[in-house]
Amino acid sequence: MEGSKLRLIALVQDPEDIARYLRQLGLPAEAPAMAAARGPPFWQSRVLRRR
C-alpha cells in the first residue's frame, strides 16, 4: 500500500446519517464524555517549580 493514493468515497454531514452509520459499525453514536480540563504536569509548569 505504500505510495497508494487515498480516494474519497463519501462525505457524510447529516448527524442522523452519521449516528446510523456508527450504530451499524457497533460504535456509540454519541460522543464520549470529556474529562475535566487540567493544568500542565508539574515539571512543565514554571510557576509551580519556583515555589
C-alpha atoms as a PDB file:
ATOM      1  CA  MET A   1       0.000   0.000   0.000  1.00  0.00           C
ATOM      2  CA  GLU A   2       3.000   2.279   0.169  1.00  0.00           C
ATOM      3  CA  GLY A   3       2.677   5.079  -2.333  1.00  0.00           C
ATOM      4  CA  SER A   4      -1.035   4.492  -2.911  1.00  0.00           C
ATOM      5  CA  LYS A   5      -3.476   7.397  -3.002  1.00  0.00           C
ATOM      6  CA  LEU A   6      -6.458   7.923  -0.741  1.00  0.00           C
ATOM      7  CA  ARG A   7      -9.775   8.054  -2.566  1.00  0.00           C
ATOM      8  CA  LEU A   8     -12.808   9.816  -1.091  1.00  0.00           C
ATOM      9  CA  ILE A   9     -15.850   7.563  -1.358  1.00  0.00           C
ATOM     10  CA  ALA A  10     -18.464   9.602   0.518  1.00  0.00           C
ATOM     11  CA  LEU A  11     -18.824  12.673   2.657  1.00  0.00           C
ATOM     12  CA  VAL A  12     -21.486  12.306   5.327  1.00  0.00           C
ATOM     13  CA  GLN A  13     -22.574  15.531   7.022  1.00  0.00           C
ATOM     14  CA  ASP A  14     -26.069  14.836   8.354  1.00  0.00           C
ATOM     15  CA  PRO A  15     -25.853  13.988  12.095  1.00  0.00           C
ATOM     16  CA  GLU A  16     -28.637  11.396  11.822  1.00  0.00           C
ATOM     17  CA  ASP A  17     -26.829   9.599   8.995  1.00  0.00           C
ATOM     18  CA  ILE A  18     -23.568   9.650  10.932  1.00  0.00           C
ATOM     19  CA  ALA A  19     -25.266   8.193  14.032  1.00  0.00           C
ATOM     20  CA  ARG A  20     -26.915   5.458  11.949  1.00  0.00           C
ATOM     21  CA  TYR A  21     -23.600   4.549  10.308  1.00  0.00           C
ATOM     22  CA  LEU A  22     -21.813   4.372  13.675  1.00  0.00           C
ATOM     23  CA  ARG A  23     -24.569   2.170  15.132  1.00  0.00           C
ATOM     24  CA  GLN A  24     -24.195  -0.204  12.167  1.00  0.00           C
ATOM     25  CA  LEU A  25     -20.489  -0.480  12.985  1.00  0.00           C
ATOM     26  CA  GLY A  26     -21.323  -1.212  16.626  1.00  0.00           C
ATOM     27  CA  LEU A  27     -19.838   2.072  17.849  1.00  0.00           C
ATOM     28  CA  PRO A  28     -21.529   4.561  20.178  1.00  0.00           C
ATOM     29  CA  ALA A  29     -23.407   7.242  18.248  1.00  0.00           C
ATOM     30  CA  GLU A  30     -22.869   9.846  20.973  1.00  0.00           C
ATOM     31  CA  ALA A  31     -19.554  11.481  21.719  1.00  0.00           C
ATOM     32  CA  PRO A  32     -17.881  10.199  24.887  1.00  0.00           C
ATOM     33  CA  ALA A  33     -17.961  12.473  27.926  1.00  0.00           C
ATOM     34  CA  MET A  34     -14.960  14.758  28.060  1.00  0.00           C
ATOM     35  CA  ALA A  35     -12.661  14.763  31.068  1.00  0.00           C
ATOM     36  CA  ALA A  36     -12.305  17.967  33.054  1.00  0.00           C
ATOM     37  CA  ALA A  37      -9.527  20.281  31.914  1.00  0.00           C
ATOM     38  CA  ARG A  38      -6.365  20.254  33.989  1.00  0.00           C
ATOM     39  CA  GLY A  39      -3.124  22.171  34.172  1.00  0.00           C
ATOM     40  CA  PRO A  40       0.232  21.081  32.772  1.00  0.00           C
ATOM     41  CA  PRO A  41       2.286  18.432  34.563  1.00  0.00           C
ATOM     42  CA  PHE A  42       4.356  19.734  37.481  1.00  0.00           C
ATOM     43  CA  TRP A  43       7.694  19.540  35.651  1.00  0.00           C
ATOM     44  CA  GLN A  44       6.366  21.686  32.776  1.00  0.00           C
ATOM     45  CA  SER A  45       4.876  24.423  34.971  1.00  0.00           C
ATOM     46  CA  ARG A  46       7.325  27.270  35.616  1.00  0.00           C
ATOM     47  CA  VAL A  47       5.036  28.717  38.305  1.00  0.00           C
ATOM     48  CA  LEU A  48       4.913  25.508  40.336  1.00  0.00           C
ATOM     49  CA  ARG A  49       8.681  24.866  40.033  1.00  0.00           C
ATOM     50  CA  ARG A  50       9.501  28.277  41.546  1.00  0.00           C
ATOM     51  CA  ARG A  51       7.674  27.523  44.805  1.00  0.00           C
END
